[in-house]
């Protein structure tokens, strides 16, 4: 999910920032399509002038800045939802003990209780109670 947020935001801001930066650096408007297909390839730096390459590099960095910003805000929102959800949970301290209930298929009515104690004489600190 976070990858999708980052990818979509960077794509959106790249489409907004790169054309303006490339045209301001001297690229013709008719070359924008070939510019977008060359970004990220080895031929990008050799095909275009250093001014265009620098301008597109700066615009791409700013697109990632916007992407990371939106990603941080999304993370903050999910964190807030998790915090609010944890405040709505009931207290489970009464259920926190050393008993672990296990059931064998078909014998749910006969609970097998296992108690773990650190000072048990049984290997691994396990004592069984039926």
C-alpha atoms as a PDB file:
ATOM      1  CA  UNK A   1       0.000   0.000   0.000  1.00  0.00           C
ATOM      2  CA  UNK A   2       2.791   2.411   0.866  1.00  0.00           C
ATOM      3  CA  UNK A   3       4.541   1.580  -2.393  1.00  0.00           C
ATOM      4  CA  UNK A   4       1.375   2.460  -4.299  1.00  0.00           C
ATOM      5  CA  UNK A   5       1.053   5.784  -2.500  1.00  0.00           C
ATOM      6  CA  UNK A   6       4.683   6.654  -3.212  1.00  0.00           C
ATOM      7  CA  UNK A   7       4.538   5.545  -6.856  1.00  0.00           C
ATOM      8  CA  UNK A   8       1.318   7.398  -7.623  1.00  0.00           C
ATOM      9  CA  UNK A   9       2.451  10.603  -5.934  1.00  0.00           C
ATOM     10  CA  UNK A  10       5.874  10.599  -7.595  1.00  0.00           C
ATOM     11  CA  UNK A  11       4.289   9.908 -10.988  1.00  0.00           C
ATOM     12  CA  UNK A  12       1.816  12.755 -10.543  1.00  0.00           C
ATOM     13  CA  UNK A  13       4.466  15.264  -9.439  1.00  0.00           C
ATOM     14  CA  UNK A  14       6.947  14.131 -12.093  1.00  0.00           C
ATOM     15  CA  UNK A  15       4.328  14.904 -14.727  1.00  0.00           C
ATOM     16  CA  UNK A  16       3.868  18.368 -13.239  1.00  0.00           C
ATOM     17  CA  UNK A  17       7.468  19.357 -12.512  1.00  0.00           C
ATOM     18  CA  UNK A  18       9.635  17.724 -15.174  1.00  0.00           C
ATOM     19  CA  UNK A  19       8.066  19.329 -18.286  1.00  0.00           C
ATOM     20  CA  UNK A  20       8.307  22.831 -16.818  1.00  0.00           C
ATOM     21  CA  UNK A  21      11.910  22.292 -15.712  1.00  0.00           C
ATOM     22  CA  UNK A  22      12.947  20.783 -19.059  1.00  0.00           C
ATOM     23  CA  UNK A  23      11.335  23.551 -21.121  1.00  0.00           C
ATOM     24  CA  UNK A  24      12.901  26.225 -18.884  1.00  0.00           C
ATOM     25  CA  UNK A  25      16.281  24.542 -19.446  1.00  0.00           C
ATOM     26  CA  UNK A  26      15.911  24.854 -23.224  1.00  0.00           C
ATOM     27  CA  UNK A  27      14.177  21.656 -24.342  1.00  0.00           C
ATOM     28  CA  UNK A  28      11.606  21.981 -27.112  1.00  0.00           C
ATOM     29  CA  UNK A  29       8.024  21.106 -26.144  1.00  0.00           C
ATOM     30  CA  UNK A  30       7.872  18.554 -28.957  1.00  0.00           C
ATOM     31  CA  UNK A  31      10.683  16.535 -27.306  1.00  0.00           C
ATOM     32  CA  UNK A  32       8.855  15.945 -24.001  1.00  0.00           C
ATOM     33  CA  UNK A  33       7.528  12.517 -24.994  1.00  0.00           C
ATOM     34  CA  UNK A  34      10.996  11.217 -25.852  1.00  0.00           C
ATOM     35  CA  UNK A  35      12.365  12.856 -22.694  1.00  0.00           C
ATOM     36  CA  UNK A  36       9.945  10.922 -20.463  1.00  0.00           C
ATOM     37  CA  UNK A  37      10.831   7.637 -22.137  1.00  0.00           C
ATOM     38  CA  UNK A  38      14.566   8.372 -21.701  1.00  0.00           C
ATOM     39  CA  UNK A  39      14.446   9.284 -17.984  1.00  0.00           C
ATOM     40  CA  UNK A  40      16.133   6.569 -15.949  1.00  0.00           C
ATOM     41  CA  UNK A  41      17.998   5.047 -18.892  1.00  0.00           C
ATOM     42  CA  UNK A  42      21.721   5.293 -19.685  1.00  0.00           C
ATOM     43  CA  UNK A  43      20.996   7.284 -22.853  1.00  0.00           C
ATOM     44  CA  UNK A  44      19.333  10.108 -20.928  1.00  0.00           C
ATOM     45  CA  UNK A  45      22.586  11.873 -20.006  1.00  0.00           C
ATOM     46  CA  UNK A  46      24.085  11.476 -23.481  1.00  0.00           C
ATOM     47  CA  UNK A  47      20.993  12.476 -25.479  1.00  0.00           C
ATOM     48  CA  UNK A  48      20.143  15.735 -23.715  1.00  0.00           C
ATOM     49  CA  UNK A  49      22.182  18.770 -22.756  1.00  0.00           C
ATOM     50  CA  UNK A  50      23.718  19.040 -19.284  1.00  0.00           C
ATOM     51  CA  UNK A  51      21.303  21.887 -18.454  1.00  0.00           C
ATOM     52  CA  UNK A  52      18.271  19.732 -19.286  1.00  0.00           C
ATOM     53  CA  UNK A  53      19.704  16.749 -17.400  1.00  0.00           C
ATOM     54  CA  UNK A  54      20.347  18.896 -14.313  1.00  0.00           C
ATOM     55  CA  UNK A  55      16.904  20.511 -14.474  1.00  0.00           C
ATOM     56  CA  UNK A  56      15.125  17.166 -14.897  1.00  0.00           C
ATOM     57  CA  UNK A  57      17.210  15.666 -12.065  1.00  0.00           C
ATOM     58  CA  UNK A  58      16.199  18.487  -9.719  1.00  0.00           C
ATOM     59  CA  UNK A  59      12.545  18.201 -10.736  1.00  0.00           C
ATOM     60  CA  UNK A  60      12.625  14.443 -10.176  1.00  0.00           C
ATOM     61  CA  UNK A  61      14.108  14.973  -6.716  1.00  0.00           C
ATOM     62  CA  UNK A  62      11.303  17.407  -5.886  1.00  0.00           C
ATOM     63  CA  UNK A  63       8.753  14.853  -7.099  1.00  0.00           C
ATOM     64  CA  UNK A  64      10.222  12.337  -4.634  1.00  0.00           C
ATOM     65  CA  UNK A  65      10.137  14.977  -1.882  1.00  0.00           C
ATOM     66  CA  UNK A  66       6.395  15.332  -2.466  1.00  0.00           C
ATOM     67  CA  UNK A  67       6.016  11.542  -2.570  1.00  0.00           C
ATOM     68  CA  UNK A  68       7.784  11.009   0.749  1.00  0.00           C
ATOM     69  CA  UNK A  69       5.774  13.851   2.288  1.00  0.00           C
ATOM     70  CA  UNK A  70       2.454  12.263   1.283  1.00  0.00           C
ATOM     71  CA  UNK A  71       3.756   8.866   2.419  1.00  0.00           C
ATOM     72  CA  UNK A  72       4.595  10.307   5.838  1.00  0.00           C
ATOM     73  CA  UNK A  73       1.149  11.846   6.148  1.00  0.00           C
ATOM     74  CA  UNK A  74      -0.471   8.532   5.223  1.00  0.00           C
ATOM     75  CA  UNK A  75       1.648   6.744   7.830  1.00  0.00           C
ATOM     76  CA  UNK A  76       0.653   9.329  10.410  1.00  0.00           C
ATOM     77  CA  UNK A  77      -3.018   8.834   9.563  1.00  0.00           C
ATOM     78  CA  UNK A  78      -2.776   5.050   9.936  1.00  0.00           C
ATOM     79  CA  UNK A  79      -0.882   5.486  13.199  1.00  0.00           C
ATOM     80  CA  UNK A  80      -3.626   7.737  14.551  1.00  0.00           C
ATOM     81  CA  UNK A  81      -6.283   5.198  13.544  1.00  0.00           C
ATOM     82  CA  UNK A  82      -4.314   2.471  15.325  1.00  0.00           C
ATOM     83  CA  UNK A  83      -3.937   4.612  18.443  1.00  0.00           C
ATOM     84  CA  UNK A  84      -7.656   5.405  18.545  1.00  0.00           C
ATOM     85  CA  UNK A  85      -8.490   1.722  17.985  1.00  0.00           C
ATOM     86  CA  UNK A  86      -6.213   0.704  20.859  1.00  0.00           C
ATOM     87  CA  UNK A  87      -7.976   3.171  23.158  1.00  0.00           C
ATOM     88  CA  UNK A  88     -11.303   1.497  22.324  1.00  0.00           C
ATOM     89  CA  UNK A  89     -10.096  -1.975  23.358  1.00  0.00           C
ATOM     90  CA  UNK A  90     -11.139  -3.524  26.655  1.00  0.00           C
ATOM     91  CA  UNK A  91      -8.630  -4.368  29.373  1.00  0.00           C
ATOM     92  CA  UNK A  92      -7.341  -7.949  28.984  1.00  0.00           C
ATOM     93  CA  UNK A  93      -5.138  -8.106  32.101  1.00  0.00           C
ATOM     94  CA  UNK A  94      -7.538 -10.552  33.787  1.00  0.00           C
ATOM     95  CA  UNK A  95      -6.965 -13.045  30.965  1.00  0.00           C
ATOM     96  CA  UNK A  96      -3.181 -12.815  31.063  1.00  0.00           C
ATOM     97  CA  UNK A  97      -2.016 -15.844  33.049  1.00  0.00           C
ATOM     98  CA  UNK A  98       0.168 -18.902  32.587  1.00  0.00           C
ATOM     99  CA  UNK A  99      -2.629 -21.154  31.266  1.00  0.00           C
ATOM    100  CA  UNK A 100      -2.771 -22.117  27.607  1.00  0.00           C
ATOM    101  CA  UNK A 101      -5.872 -24.008  26.533  1.00  0.00           C
ATOM    102  CA  UNK A 102      -5.447 -26.544  23.753  1.00  0.00           C
ATOM    103  CA  UNK A 103      -8.109 -28.763  22.225  1.00  0.00           C
ATOM    104  CA  UNK A 104      -7.891 -32.018  20.338  1.00  0.00           C
ATOM    105  CA  UNK A 105     -10.293 -32.239  17.412  1.00  0.00           C
ATOM    106  CA  UNK A 106     -13.644 -33.587  18.566  1.00  0.00           C
ATOM    107  CA  UNK A 107     -12.848 -33.179  22.258  1.00  0.00           C
ATOM    108  CA  UNK A 108     -13.562 -29.494  22.781  1.00  0.00           C
ATOM    109  CA  UNK A 109     -15.456 -30.206  25.996  1.00  0.00           C
ATOM    110  CA  UNK A 110     -12.299 -31.613  27.636  1.00  0.00           C
ATOM    111  CA  UNK A 111      -9.884 -28.733  27.801  1.00  0.00           C
ATOM    112  CA  UNK A 112      -6.225 -29.645  28.189  1.00  0.00           C
ATOM    113  CA  UNK A 113      -4.576 -26.966  30.301  1.00  0.00           C
ATOM    114  CA  UNK A 114      -0.829 -26.408  30.091  1.00  0.00           C
ATOM    115  CA  UNK A 115       0.882 -24.194  32.650  1.00  0.00           C
ATOM    116  CA  UNK A 116       4.371 -22.805  32.068  1.00  0.00           C
ATOM    117  CA  UNK A 117       6.435 -21.951  35.120  1.00  0.00           C
ATOM    118  CA  UNK A 118      10.085 -20.953  35.101  1.00  0.00           C
ATOM    119  CA  UNK A 119      10.959 -23.093  38.138  1.00  0.00           C
ATOM    120  CA  UNK A 120       9.303 -26.318  36.924  1.00  0.00           C
ATOM    121  CA  UNK A 121      11.277 -29.566  37.184  1.00  0.00           C
ATOM    122  CA  UNK A 122       9.957 -30.658  33.778  1.00  0.00           C
ATOM    123  CA  UNK A 123      12.205 -29.923  30.776  1.00  0.00           C
ATOM    124  CA  UNK A 124      11.453 -26.530  29.307  1.00  0.00           C
ATOM    125  CA  UNK A 125       9.576 -25.348  32.420  1.00  0.00           C
ATOM    126  CA  UNK A 126       6.353 -27.138  31.456  1.00  0.00           C
ATOM    127  CA  UNK A 127       3.844 -28.765  33.741  1.00  0.00           C
ATOM    128  CA  UNK A 128       0.663 -30.382  32.455  1.00  0.00           C
ATOM    129  CA  UNK A 129      -2.609 -30.206  34.290  1.00  0.00           C
ATOM    130  CA  UNK A 130      -5.675 -32.067  33.110  1.00  0.00           C
END
